[in-house]
């Protein structure tokens, strides 16, 4: 596995995130969850996202060998989640369901709700050609 996160890796993360972000972003249930979930539940959802991303990356992308690559592992998890969140935000913006200026808290909550499955799609596609 390369020590670098290159354009191919970024494109895989983008495609994986987009594959799951699009159908879920069209769901009114996801929009409503973003409006109604309490902050504690959103923080749990965010935590679960990062934990599952980390676990999957550890097992599949890094094949349990991160001893000398801890910083790369952490970077890959953070970048996968961040790219997925940006993809979700762009899709919601295209659907006019990202009220950043009028209701920024709702916008952020919607991004968190939809980024959970999108980030998993991102890391799964990123793992296809590793090791």
Protein backbone atom coordinates (compact mmCIF):
# COMPACT_ATOMS: atom_id res chain seq x y z
CA UNK A 1 0.00 0.00 0.00
CA UNK A 2 1.29 3.43 -0.90
CA UNK A 3 2.18 5.87 1.84
CA UNK A 4 0.46 8.63 -0.11
CA UNK A 5 -3.14 9.57 -0.73
CA UNK A 6 -3.19 10.22 -4.45
CA UNK A 7 -5.72 11.28 -7.07
CA UNK A 8 -6.83 7.68 -7.66
CA UNK A 9 -7.58 7.29 -3.94
CA UNK A 10 -9.49 10.58 -3.89
CA UNK A 11 -11.54 9.58 -6.93
CA UNK A 12 -12.41 6.23 -5.34
CA UNK A 13 -13.56 7.97 -2.15
CA UNK A 14 -15.59 10.46 -4.20
CA UNK A 15 -17.31 7.74 -6.23
CA UNK A 16 -18.07 5.63 -3.16
CA UNK A 17 -19.45 8.59 -1.24
CA UNK A 18 -21.50 9.75 -4.21
CA UNK A 19 -22.97 6.27 -4.76
CA UNK A 20 -24.61 6.29 -1.34
CA UNK A 21 -25.06 10.03 -0.84
CA UNK A 22 -27.31 10.51 -3.87
CA UNK A 23 -30.16 8.11 -3.06
CA UNK A 24 -30.19 8.99 0.62
CA UNK A 25 -30.04 12.72 -0.07
CA UNK A 26 -33.25 12.42 -2.08
CA UNK A 27 -35.01 10.97 0.96
CA UNK A 28 -37.36 13.24 2.87
CA UNK A 29 -36.82 10.99 5.90
CA UNK A 30 -33.13 11.92 5.94
CA UNK A 31 -34.00 15.63 5.71
CA UNK A 32 -36.42 15.31 8.63
CA UNK A 33 -33.95 13.33 10.71
CA UNK A 34 -31.50 16.16 10.17
CA UNK A 35 -34.05 18.59 11.54
CA UNK A 36 -35.32 16.56 14.48
CA UNK A 37 -32.45 14.53 15.92
CA UNK A 38 -31.10 15.92 19.20
CA UNK A 39 -27.46 16.96 19.28
CA UNK A 40 -26.50 14.03 21.54
CA UNK A 41 -27.84 11.57 18.96
CA UNK A 42 -26.02 13.36 16.15
CA UNK A 43 -22.76 13.18 18.09
CA UNK A 44 -23.34 9.46 18.60
CA UNK A 45 -24.01 9.08 14.87
CA UNK A 46 -20.84 11.00 14.03
CA UNK A 47 -18.86 8.86 16.48
CA UNK A 48 -20.28 5.65 15.04
CA UNK A 49 -19.36 6.82 11.55
CA UNK A 50 -15.74 7.42 12.53
CA UNK A 51 -15.54 4.16 14.52
CA UNK A 52 -16.94 2.08 11.64
CA UNK A 53 -14.72 3.89 9.14
CA UNK A 54 -11.69 3.24 11.32
CA UNK A 55 -12.55 -0.41 11.86
CA UNK A 56 -13.15 -1.05 8.16
CA UNK A 57 -10.00 0.82 7.13
CA UNK A 58 -7.97 -1.08 9.74
CA UNK A 59 -9.24 -4.48 8.60
CA UNK A 60 -9.62 -4.02 4.84
CA UNK A 61 -7.50 -1.14 3.64
CA UNK A 62 -4.56 -1.67 6.01
CA UNK A 63 -5.17 -5.40 6.68
CA UNK A 64 -4.48 -4.92 10.42
CA UNK A 65 -0.95 -3.64 9.73
CA UNK A 66 -0.73 -0.05 10.92
CA UNK A 67 2.10 -0.30 13.44
CA UNK A 68 4.42 1.95 11.41
CA UNK A 69 1.62 3.73 9.54
CA UNK A 70 -0.60 5.13 12.30
CA UNK A 71 -0.50 8.68 10.94
CA UNK A 72 -1.41 7.46 7.44
CA UNK A 73 -4.26 5.41 8.89
CA UNK A 74 -5.65 8.40 10.83
CA UNK A 75 -5.25 10.68 7.81
CA UNK A 76 -7.07 8.21 5.55
CA UNK A 77 -10.03 7.96 7.94
CA UNK A 78 -10.25 11.74 8.34
CA UNK A 79 -9.94 12.43 4.61
CA UNK A 80 -12.54 9.76 3.73
CA UNK A 81 -15.04 11.27 6.16
CA UNK A 82 -14.29 14.83 5.03
CA UNK A 83 -14.62 14.04 1.32
CA UNK A 84 -17.86 12.16 2.00
CA UNK A 85 -19.22 15.15 3.95
CA UNK A 86 -18.32 17.53 1.12
CA UNK A 87 -20.02 15.25 -1.42
CA UNK A 88 -23.14 15.09 0.76
CA UNK A 89 -23.14 18.88 1.16
CA UNK A 90 -22.85 19.39 -2.60
CA UNK A 91 -25.68 16.95 -3.33
CA UNK A 92 -27.92 18.59 -0.72
CA UNK A 93 -27.03 22.01 -2.12
CA UNK A 94 -28.04 20.87 -5.61
CA UNK A 95 -31.37 19.67 -4.19
CA UNK A 96 -31.88 22.97 -2.36
CA UNK A 97 -31.93 21.08 0.95
CA UNK A 98 -28.85 22.65 2.53
CA UNK A 99 -30.02 25.84 4.28
CA UNK A 100 -26.53 27.04 5.25
CA UNK A 101 -27.45 30.72 5.39
CA UNK A 102 -30.94 30.50 6.87
CA UNK A 103 -30.65 27.45 9.15
CA UNK A 104 -26.98 26.47 9.49
CA UNK A 105 -27.60 24.01 12.33
CA UNK A 106 -30.15 22.09 10.24
CA UNK A 107 -27.68 22.06 7.33
CA UNK A 108 -24.90 20.63 9.48
CA UNK A 109 -27.24 18.07 11.03
CA UNK A 110 -28.37 16.89 7.59
CA UNK A 111 -24.77 16.55 6.50
CA UNK A 112 -23.94 14.43 9.57
CA UNK A 113 -26.97 12.17 9.09
CA UNK A 114 -26.30 11.47 5.42
CA UNK A 115 -22.51 11.33 5.71
CA UNK A 116 -22.66 8.18 7.85
CA UNK A 117 -23.67 5.84 5.01
CA UNK A 118 -21.84 7.92 2.40
CA UNK A 119 -18.55 7.63 4.29
CA UNK A 120 -18.94 3.86 4.48
CA UNK A 121 -19.46 3.74 0.73
CA UNK A 122 -16.37 5.90 0.33
CA UNK A 123 -14.08 3.67 2.37
CA UNK A 124 -15.44 0.46 0.81
CA UNK A 125 -14.71 1.66 -2.72
CA UNK A 126 -11.32 2.98 -1.56
CA UNK A 127 -10.43 -0.50 -0.29
CA UNK A 128 -10.99 -2.30 -3.62
CA UNK A 129 -7.39 -2.20 -4.84
CA UNK A 130 -5.40 -1.97 -1.62
CA UNK A 131 -2.59 -4.21 -0.42
